């Protein structure tokens, strides 16, 4: 074998090894470089699968939004009601945390109703923004 042929074989082997490395890396570690999910865009029942701390953080941010006068959409309100039901079913063993999360959800829904149906009769929601 000549030196030129050995160099070509070594270069081809190195290229194949790099390709194999990146192919295995993408199969084995697909979520390592994926960005974390956006709590603002998480669908309702997906929130029920989050850790209680993350659910509380999301609900607190939503509560602050409603307290600042921004109404939430009908779909988001329905998602909150679905989350409420899922929490009732899955968190019976943590009554303190369950009561706190349910209180936050109830306050969000109550404040949202006041924002959507104010005394002047005009309904408002975040879909109009």
C-alpha atoms as a PDB file:
ATOM      1  CA  UNK A   1       0.000   0.000   0.000  1.00  0.00           C
ATOM      2  CA  UNK A   2       1.204   3.406  -0.761  1.00  0.00           C
ATOM      3  CA  UNK A   3       1.182   6.284   1.734  1.00  0.00           C
ATOM      4  CA  UNK A   4      -1.444   8.137  -0.282  1.00  0.00           C
ATOM      5  CA  UNK A   5      -3.846   5.171  -0.150  1.00  0.00           C
ATOM      6  CA  UNK A   6      -3.284   4.718   3.596  1.00  0.00           C
ATOM      7  CA  UNK A   7      -4.013   8.418   4.151  1.00  0.00           C
ATOM      8  CA  UNK A   8      -7.252   8.195   2.155  1.00  0.00           C
ATOM      9  CA  UNK A   9      -8.385   5.127   4.107  1.00  0.00           C
ATOM     10  CA  UNK A  10      -7.581   6.805   7.434  1.00  0.00           C
ATOM     11  CA  UNK A  11      -9.422   9.978   6.414  1.00  0.00           C
ATOM     12  CA  UNK A  12     -12.450   7.951   5.296  1.00  0.00           C
ATOM     13  CA  UNK A  13     -12.418   5.941   8.548  1.00  0.00           C
ATOM     14  CA  UNK A  14     -12.218   9.142  10.615  1.00  0.00           C
ATOM     15  CA  UNK A  15     -15.091  10.649   8.651  1.00  0.00           C
ATOM     16  CA  UNK A  16     -17.218   7.531   9.160  1.00  0.00           C
ATOM     17  CA  UNK A  17     -16.424   7.499  12.882  1.00  0.00           C
ATOM     18  CA  UNK A  18     -17.479  11.143  13.202  1.00  0.00           C
ATOM     19  CA  UNK A  19     -20.705  10.449  11.330  1.00  0.00           C
ATOM     20  CA  UNK A  20     -21.416   7.427  13.537  1.00  0.00           C
ATOM     21  CA  UNK A  21     -20.665   9.468  16.666  1.00  0.00           C
ATOM     22  CA  UNK A  22     -23.117  12.244  15.752  1.00  0.00           C
ATOM     23  CA  UNK A  23     -25.777   9.759  14.628  1.00  0.00           C
ATOM     24  CA  UNK A  24     -25.566   7.862  17.932  1.00  0.00           C
ATOM     25  CA  UNK A  25     -25.474  11.102  19.888  1.00  0.00           C
ATOM     26  CA  UNK A  26     -28.712  12.333  18.312  1.00  0.00           C
ATOM     27  CA  UNK A  27     -30.419   8.994  18.998  1.00  0.00           C
ATOM     28  CA  UNK A  28     -29.207   8.554  22.565  1.00  0.00           C
ATOM     29  CA  UNK A  29     -29.431  12.175  23.764  1.00  0.00           C
ATOM     30  CA  UNK A  30     -32.244  13.843  21.786  1.00  0.00           C
ATOM     31  CA  UNK A  31     -33.488  16.176  24.548  1.00  0.00           C
ATOM     32  CA  UNK A  32     -30.197  17.371  25.991  1.00  0.00           C
ATOM     33  CA  UNK A  33     -30.025  20.391  23.723  1.00  0.00           C
ATOM     34  CA  UNK A  34     -33.764  20.944  23.391  1.00  0.00           C
ATOM     35  CA  UNK A  35     -34.983  24.171  24.995  1.00  0.00           C
ATOM     36  CA  UNK A  36     -37.188  23.789  28.080  1.00  0.00           C
ATOM     37  CA  UNK A  37     -40.921  23.901  27.449  1.00  0.00           C
ATOM     38  CA  UNK A  38     -42.547  27.278  27.594  1.00  0.00           C
ATOM     39  CA  UNK A  39     -44.941  27.413  30.525  1.00  0.00           C
ATOM     40  CA  UNK A  40     -46.973  30.027  28.703  1.00  0.00           C
ATOM     41  CA  UNK A  41     -47.681  27.681  25.791  1.00  0.00           C
ATOM     42  CA  UNK A  42     -48.143  24.435  27.687  1.00  0.00           C
ATOM     43  CA  UNK A  43     -51.541  22.849  27.042  1.00  0.00           C
ATOM     44  CA  UNK A  44     -53.822  22.240  30.001  1.00  0.00           C
ATOM     45  CA  UNK A  45     -53.331  18.565  30.717  1.00  0.00           C
ATOM     46  CA  UNK A  46     -49.591  18.831  30.127  1.00  0.00           C
ATOM     47  CA  UNK A  47     -49.498  21.147  33.124  1.00  0.00           C
ATOM     48  CA  UNK A  48     -51.059  18.417  35.228  1.00  0.00           C
ATOM     49  CA  UNK A  49     -48.006  16.252  34.405  1.00  0.00           C
ATOM     50  CA  UNK A  50     -45.527  18.918  35.545  1.00  0.00           C
ATOM     51  CA  UNK A  51     -44.017  18.897  38.987  1.00  0.00           C
ATOM     52  CA  UNK A  52     -46.159  20.687  41.580  1.00  0.00           C
ATOM     53  CA  UNK A  53     -43.543  23.426  41.899  1.00  0.00           C
ATOM     54  CA  UNK A  54     -43.607  24.158  38.169  1.00  0.00           C
ATOM     55  CA  UNK A  55     -47.402  24.116  38.115  1.00  0.00           C
ATOM     56  CA  UNK A  56     -47.434  26.592  40.994  1.00  0.00           C
ATOM     57  CA  UNK A  57     -44.945  28.856  39.181  1.00  0.00           C
ATOM     58  CA  UNK A  58     -47.063  28.787  36.024  1.00  0.00           C
ATOM     59  CA  UNK A  59     -50.266  29.456  37.926  1.00  0.00           C
ATOM     60  CA  UNK A  60     -48.672  32.325  39.866  1.00  0.00           C
ATOM     61  CA  UNK A  61     -47.538  33.955  36.614  1.00  0.00           C
ATOM     62  CA  UNK A  62     -51.020  33.528  35.157  1.00  0.00           C
ATOM     63  CA  UNK A  63     -52.534  34.985  38.335  1.00  0.00           C
ATOM     64  CA  UNK A  64     -50.250  38.022  38.087  1.00  0.00           C
ATOM     65  CA  UNK A  65     -51.307  38.469  34.463  1.00  0.00           C
ATOM     66  CA  UNK A  66     -54.981  38.449  35.446  1.00  0.00           C
ATOM     67  CA  UNK A  67     -54.344  40.736  38.434  1.00  0.00           C
ATOM     68  CA  UNK A  68     -52.694  43.206  36.050  1.00  0.00           C
ATOM     69  CA  UNK A  69     -55.902  43.409  34.047  1.00  0.00           C
ATOM     70  CA  UNK A  70     -55.158  41.004  31.185  1.00  0.00           C
ATOM     71  CA  UNK A  71     -57.984  38.525  30.667  1.00  0.00           C
ATOM     72  CA  UNK A  72     -57.208  34.984  29.557  1.00  0.00           C
ATOM     73  CA  UNK A  73     -58.919  33.239  26.659  1.00  0.00           C
ATOM     74  CA  UNK A  74     -61.804  30.816  26.902  1.00  0.00           C
ATOM     75  CA  UNK A  75     -59.532  27.919  25.919  1.00  0.00           C
ATOM     76  CA  UNK A  76     -57.054  28.782  28.660  1.00  0.00           C
ATOM     77  CA  UNK A  77     -59.891  28.974  31.188  1.00  0.00           C
ATOM     78  CA  UNK A  78     -61.140  25.554  30.088  1.00  0.00           C
ATOM     79  CA  UNK A  79     -57.580  24.243  30.431  1.00  0.00           C
ATOM     80  CA  UNK A  80     -57.473  25.570  33.984  1.00  0.00           C
ATOM     81  CA  UNK A  81     -60.688  23.746  34.769  1.00  0.00           C
ATOM     82  CA  UNK A  82     -59.199  20.533  33.334  1.00  0.00           C
ATOM     83  CA  UNK A  83     -56.047  21.069  35.412  1.00  0.00           C
ATOM     84  CA  UNK A  84     -58.200  21.605  38.483  1.00  0.00           C
ATOM     85  CA  UNK A  85     -59.954  18.294  37.907  1.00  0.00           C
ATOM     86  CA  UNK A  86     -56.672  16.464  37.253  1.00  0.00           C
ATOM     87  CA  UNK A  87     -55.142  17.922  40.411  1.00  0.00           C
ATOM     88  CA  UNK A  88     -58.129  16.793  42.459  1.00  0.00           C
ATOM     89  CA  UNK A  89     -57.693  13.267  41.131  1.00  0.00           C
ATOM     90  CA  UNK A  90     -53.905  13.009  41.439  1.00  0.00           C
ATOM     91  CA  UNK A  91     -52.887  15.076  44.467  1.00  0.00           C
ATOM     92  CA  UNK A  92     -55.201  13.857  47.206  1.00  0.00           C
ATOM     93  CA  UNK A  93     -52.144  12.729  49.186  1.00  0.00           C
ATOM     94  CA  UNK A  94     -50.821  16.339  49.424  1.00  0.00           C
ATOM     95  CA  UNK A  95     -53.760  18.314  50.840  1.00  0.00           C
ATOM     96  CA  UNK A  96     -51.817  21.492  51.694  1.00  0.00           C
ATOM     97  CA  UNK A  97     -50.316  21.904  48.243  1.00  0.00           C
ATOM     98  CA  UNK A  98     -53.563  20.854  46.585  1.00  0.00           C
ATOM     99  CA  UNK A  99     -55.516  23.481  48.514  1.00  0.00           C
ATOM    100  CA  UNK A 100     -52.998  26.192  47.557  1.00  0.00           C
ATOM    101  CA  UNK A 101     -53.074  25.270  43.840  1.00  0.00           C
ATOM    102  CA  UNK A 102     -56.864  25.059  43.787  1.00  0.00           C
ATOM    103  CA  UNK A 103     -57.126  28.449  45.492  1.00  0.00           C
ATOM    104  CA  UNK A 104     -54.872  29.984  42.842  1.00  0.00           C
ATOM    105  CA  UNK A 105     -56.915  28.431  40.018  1.00  0.00           C
ATOM    106  CA  UNK A 106     -60.199  29.576  41.569  1.00  0.00           C
ATOM    107  CA  UNK A 107     -58.860  33.125  41.983  1.00  0.00           C
ATOM    108  CA  UNK A 108     -57.671  33.195  38.359  1.00  0.00           C
ATOM    109  CA  UNK A 109     -61.073  32.070  37.098  1.00  0.00           C
ATOM    110  CA  UNK A 110     -62.925  34.537  39.340  1.00  0.00           C
ATOM    111  CA  UNK A 111     -60.739  37.500  38.349  1.00  0.00           C
ATOM    112  CA  UNK A 112     -60.918  36.501  34.693  1.00  0.00           C
ATOM    113  CA  UNK A 113     -64.714  36.469  34.813  1.00  0.00           C
ATOM    114  CA  UNK A 114     -64.633  39.972  36.281  1.00  0.00           C
ATOM    115  CA  UNK A 115     -62.331  41.109  33.474  1.00  0.00           C
ATOM    116  CA  UNK A 116     -64.312  39.515  30.667  1.00  0.00           C
ATOM    117  CA  UNK A 117     -67.723  40.624  31.911  1.00  0.00           C
ATOM    118  CA  UNK A 118     -67.157  44.029  33.520  1.00  0.00           C
ATOM    119  CA  UNK A 119     -69.967  46.332  34.548  1.00  0.00           C
ATOM    120  CA  UNK A 120     -69.928  48.134  31.190  1.00  0.00           C
ATOM    121  CA  UNK A 121     -71.010  44.963  29.360  1.00  0.00           C
ATOM    122  CA  UNK A 122     -68.108  44.781  26.892  1.00  0.00           C
ATOM    123  CA  UNK A 123     -66.318  41.457  26.950  1.00  0.00           C
ATOM    124  CA  UNK A 124     -62.528  41.428  26.651  1.00  0.00           C
ATOM    125  CA  UNK A 125     -59.953  38.653  26.324  1.00  0.00           C
ATOM    126  CA  UNK A 126     -56.327  38.132  25.317  1.00  0.00           C
ATOM    127  CA  UNK A 127     -57.444  36.838  21.904  1.00  0.00           C
ATOM    128  CA  UNK A 128     -58.359  40.394  20.912  1.00  0.00           C
ATOM    129  CA  UNK A 129     -54.821  41.658  21.642  1.00  0.00           C
END
